[in-house]
C-alpha atoms as a PDB file:
ATOM      1  CA  MET A   1      -1.796  20.733  -7.250  1.00  0.00           C
ATOM      2  CA  GLN A   2      -4.024  18.462  -5.168  1.00  0.00           C
ATOM      3  CA  ILE A   3      -5.282  20.092  -1.958  1.00  0.00           C
ATOM      4  CA  LEU A   4      -7.035  18.335   0.902  1.00  0.00           C
ATOM      5  CA  PHE A   5      -9.433  20.711   2.677  1.00  0.00           C
ATOM      6  CA  VAL A   6     -10.712  19.395   6.003  1.00  0.00           C
ATOM      7  CA  ASP A   7     -13.572  21.327   7.620  1.00  0.00           C
ATOM      8  CA  ASP A   8     -16.983  20.238   8.886  1.00  0.00           C
ATOM      9  CA  ASN A   9     -18.718  23.520   8.001  1.00  0.00           C
ATOM     10  CA  PRO A  10     -20.620  23.125   4.691  1.00  0.00           C
ATOM     11  CA  LEU A  11     -20.427  26.844   3.883  1.00  0.00           C
ATOM     12  CA  MET A  12     -16.648  26.896   4.420  1.00  0.00           C
ATOM     13  CA  GLN A  13     -16.332  23.782   2.261  1.00  0.00           C
ATOM     14  CA  GLN A  14     -18.272  25.411  -0.549  1.00  0.00           C
ATOM     15  CA  VAL A  15     -16.541  28.800  -0.435  1.00  0.00           C
ATOM     16  CA  ILE A  16     -12.966  27.581  -0.033  1.00  0.00           C
ATOM     17  CA  SER A  17     -13.260  24.784  -2.580  1.00  0.00           C
ATOM     18  CA  HIS A  18     -14.813  27.199  -5.091  1.00  0.00           C
ATOM     19  CA  VAL A  19     -12.068  29.797  -4.576  1.00  0.00           C
ATOM     20  CA  LEU A  20      -9.284  27.225  -4.895  1.00  0.00           C
ATOM     21  CA  GLN A  21     -10.845  25.474  -7.892  1.00  0.00           C
ATOM     22  CA  SER A  22     -11.317  28.824  -9.646  1.00  0.00           C
ATOM     23  CA  GLN A  23      -7.517  29.169  -9.475  1.00  0.00           C
ATOM     24  CA  GLY A  24      -6.994  25.770 -11.100  1.00  0.00           C
ATOM     25  CA  TYR A  25      -6.323  23.698  -7.970  1.00  0.00           C
ATOM     26  CA  GLN A  26      -7.855  20.272  -7.426  1.00  0.00           C
ATOM     27  CA  VAL A  27      -9.644  20.118  -4.087  1.00  0.00           C
ATOM     28  CA  THR A  28     -10.756  17.131  -2.064  1.00  0.00           C
ATOM     29  CA  ILE A  29     -13.089  17.927   0.826  1.00  0.00           C
ATOM     30  CA  ALA A  30     -13.257  15.935   4.041  1.00  0.00           C
ATOM     31  CA  GLU A  31     -15.614  16.696   6.937  1.00  0.00           C
ATOM     32  CA  THR A  32     -13.842  14.529   9.501  1.00  0.00           C
ATOM     33  CA  GLY A  33     -10.417  13.196  10.305  1.00  0.00           C
ATOM     34  CA  ALA A  34     -11.528   9.720   9.262  1.00  0.00           C
ATOM     35  CA  GLU A  35     -12.599  11.009   5.843  1.00  0.00           C
ATOM     36  CA  ALA A  36      -9.285  12.867   5.457  1.00  0.00           C
ATOM     37  CA  LEU A  37      -7.292   9.717   6.221  1.00  0.00           C
ATOM     38  CA  ALA A  38      -9.383   7.648   3.812  1.00  0.00           C
ATOM     39  CA  SER A  39      -8.825  10.272   1.123  1.00  0.00           C
ATOM     40  CA  VAL A  40      -5.023  10.309   1.355  1.00  0.00           C
ATOM     41  CA  ARG A  41      -4.952   6.516   1.426  1.00  0.00           C
ATOM     42  CA  GLN A  42      -6.628   6.639  -1.988  1.00  0.00           C
ATOM     43  CA  ALA A  43      -4.359   9.409  -3.318  1.00  0.00           C
ATOM     44  CA  PRO A  44      -1.859  11.545  -1.353  1.00  0.00           C
ATOM     45  CA  CYS A  45      -2.271  15.294  -1.662  1.00  0.00           C
ATOM     46  CA  GLN A  46       0.359  18.023  -2.018  1.00  0.00           C
ATOM     47  CA  LEU A  47      -1.106  20.440   0.552  1.00  0.00           C
ATOM     48  CA  CYS A  48      -3.471  20.118   3.511  1.00  0.00           C
ATOM     49  CA  VAL A  49      -5.704  22.865   4.863  1.00  0.00           C
ATOM     50  CA  ILE A  50      -7.104  21.639   8.172  1.00  0.00           C
ATOM     51  CA  ASP A  51      -9.609  23.115  10.605  1.00  0.00           C
ATOM     52  CA  MET A  52      -8.480  22.875  14.222  1.00  0.00           C
ATOM     53  CA  ARG A  53     -11.860  21.613  15.480  1.00  0.00           C
ATOM     54  CA  LEU A  54     -13.408  18.583  13.787  1.00  0.00           C
ATOM     55  CA  PRO A  55     -16.195  16.254  14.943  1.00  0.00           C
ATOM     56  CA  ASP A  56     -13.891  13.274  15.514  1.00  0.00           C
ATOM     57  CA  THR A  57     -10.467  14.795  16.203  1.00  0.00           C
ATOM     58  CA  ASP A  58      -8.526  18.039  16.305  1.00  0.00           C
ATOM     59  CA  GLY A  59      -6.171  19.517  13.726  1.00  0.00           C
ATOM     60  CA  PRO A  60      -2.862  18.617  15.409  1.00  0.00           C
ATOM     61  CA  ALA A  61      -3.861  14.972  15.952  1.00  0.00           C
ATOM     62  CA  LEU A  62      -5.090  14.712  12.372  1.00  0.00           C
ATOM     63  CA  LEU A  63      -1.887  16.196  10.964  1.00  0.00           C
ATOM     64  CA  LEU A  64       0.217  13.670  12.879  1.00  0.00           C
ATOM     65  CA  ALA A  65      -1.948  10.822  11.563  1.00  0.00           C
ATOM     66  CA  LEU A  66      -1.863  12.155   7.986  1.00  0.00           C
ATOM     67  CA  ARG A  67       1.923  12.457   8.005  1.00  0.00           C
ATOM     68  CA  ARG A  68       2.235   8.767   8.927  1.00  0.00           C
ATOM     69  CA  GLU A  69       0.451   7.823   5.703  1.00  0.00           C
ATOM     70  CA  THR A  70       2.410   6.814   2.590  1.00  0.00           C
ATOM     71  CA  GLY A  71       3.560   9.844   0.596  1.00  0.00           C
ATOM     72  CA  MET A  72       2.430  12.340   3.228  1.00  0.00           C
ATOM     73  CA  ALA A  73       5.442  12.699   5.542  1.00  0.00           C
ATOM     74  CA  GLN A  74       6.578  16.003   4.023  1.00  0.00           C
ATOM     75  CA  CYS A  75       3.181  17.362   2.972  1.00  0.00           C
ATOM     76  CA  PRO A  76       2.866  21.021   4.023  1.00  0.00           C
ATOM     77  CA  ALA A  77      -0.174  21.967   6.082  1.00  0.00           C
ATOM     78  CA  ILE A  78      -2.074  25.138   6.888  1.00  0.00           C
ATOM     79  CA  ALA A  79      -4.153  25.230  10.076  1.00  0.00           C
ATOM     80  CA  ILE A  80      -7.347  27.271  10.238  1.00  0.00           C
ATOM     81  CA  SER A  81      -9.171  28.221  13.430  1.00  0.00           C
ATOM     82  CA  GLY A  82     -12.225  30.151  14.477  1.00  0.00           C
ATOM     83  CA  LEU A  83     -10.801  30.572  17.978  1.00  0.00           C
ATOM     84  CA  GLY A  84      -8.132  33.027  16.910  1.00  0.00           C
ATOM     85  CA  GLU A  85      -4.665  33.278  18.366  1.00  0.00           C
ATOM     86  CA  ALA A  86      -5.411  30.775  21.132  1.00  0.00           C
ATOM     87  CA  ASP A  87      -4.657  27.934  18.709  1.00  0.00           C
ATOM     88  CA  ARG A  88      -1.489  29.338  17.118  1.00  0.00           C
ATOM     89  CA  GLU A  89       0.980  27.812  19.590  1.00  0.00           C
ATOM     90  CA  ARG A  90      -0.600  24.347  19.296  1.00  0.00           C
ATOM     91  CA  THR A  91      -0.396  24.424  15.502  1.00  0.00           C
ATOM     92  CA  VAL A  92       3.288  25.314  15.478  1.00  0.00           C
ATOM     93  CA  ALA A  93       4.051  22.569  18.008  1.00  0.00           C
ATOM     94  CA  ALA A  94       2.120  20.055  15.874  1.00  0.00           C
ATOM     95  CA  GLY A  95       4.128  20.888  12.754  1.00  0.00           C
ATOM     96  CA  PHE A  96       1.770  23.075  10.732  1.00  0.00           C
ATOM     97  CA  GLU A  97       3.661  25.468   8.464  1.00  0.00           C
ATOM     98  CA  HIS A  98       1.051  28.241   8.674  1.00  0.00           C
ATOM     99  CA  PHE A  99      -1.916  29.341  10.759  1.00  0.00           C
ATOM    100  CA  LEU A 100      -4.928  31.334   9.541  1.00  0.00           C
ATOM    101  CA  ILE A 101      -7.798  32.737  11.590  1.00  0.00           C
ATOM    102  CA  LYS A 102     -11.417  32.465  10.464  1.00  0.00           C
ATOM    103  CA  PRO A 103     -12.968  34.276   8.765  1.00  0.00           C
ATOM    104  CA  LEU A 104     -10.211  33.542   6.295  1.00  0.00           C
ATOM    105  CA  ASP A 105      -8.502  36.239   4.283  1.00  0.00           C
ATOM    106  CA  LEU A 106      -8.878  34.566   0.881  1.00  0.00           C
ATOM    107  CA  ASP A 107      -6.030  36.552  -0.663  1.00  0.00           C
ATOM    108  CA  GLN A 108      -3.720  35.391   2.118  1.00  0.00           C
ATOM    109  CA  LEU A 109      -4.830  31.773   1.651  1.00  0.00           C
ATOM    110  CA  LEU A 110      -4.273  31.961  -2.116  1.00  0.00           C
ATOM    111  CA  ALA A 111      -0.824  33.492  -1.601  1.00  0.00           C
ATOM    112  CA  MET A 112       0.150  30.614   0.707  1.00  0.00           C
ATOM    113  CA  VAL A 113      -1.161  28.007  -1.730  1.00  0.00           C
ATOM    114  CA  ALA A 114       0.707  29.679  -4.603  1.00  0.00           C
ATOM    115  CA  HIS A 115       3.894  29.593  -2.515  1.00  0.00           C
ATOM    116  CA  TYR A 116       3.557  25.828  -2.061  1.00  0.00           C
ATOM    117  CA  LEU A 117       2.830  25.344  -5.747  1.00  0.00           C
ATOM    118  CA  VAL A 118       6.134  27.081  -6.580  1.00  0.00           C
ATOM    119  CA  GLU A 119       7.940  24.904  -3.993  1.00  0.00           C
ATOM    120  CA  LEU A 120       6.358  21.802  -5.500  1.00  0.00           C
ATOM    121  CA  GLN A 121       7.430  22.805  -9.007  1.00  0.00           C
ATOM    122  CA  ARG A 122      10.992  23.472  -7.830  1.00  0.00           C
ATOM    123  CA  GLY A 123      11.172  20.003  -6.308  1.00  0.00           C
ATOM    124  CA  ALA A 124       9.844  18.296  -9.459  1.00  0.00           C
END
């Protein structure tokens, strides 16, 4: 499964990509919305994990832009936020399937990713 992880924090990038890769997932990291869009134009992903606050955009705007790209219309997305519950309502309205609060519960993140892997395999 190809996962796009969008977060501008280098420590988060390192930790989350390491955890996901240790479980056999392929991870592409983007620091900005522009990098995320360029990445999916090269190769669509099967799951997006997107921080709500990025240097050039916010999570909801990025998700809308990503879903307009070829092969991305139905791509599930998980929002992550350091601001807690304040962002939950915005993520649901934007179309994110799940919302996680930083610091992330890695077991919860892995369970969500595993769920989408099973869904992907069912659809194949």
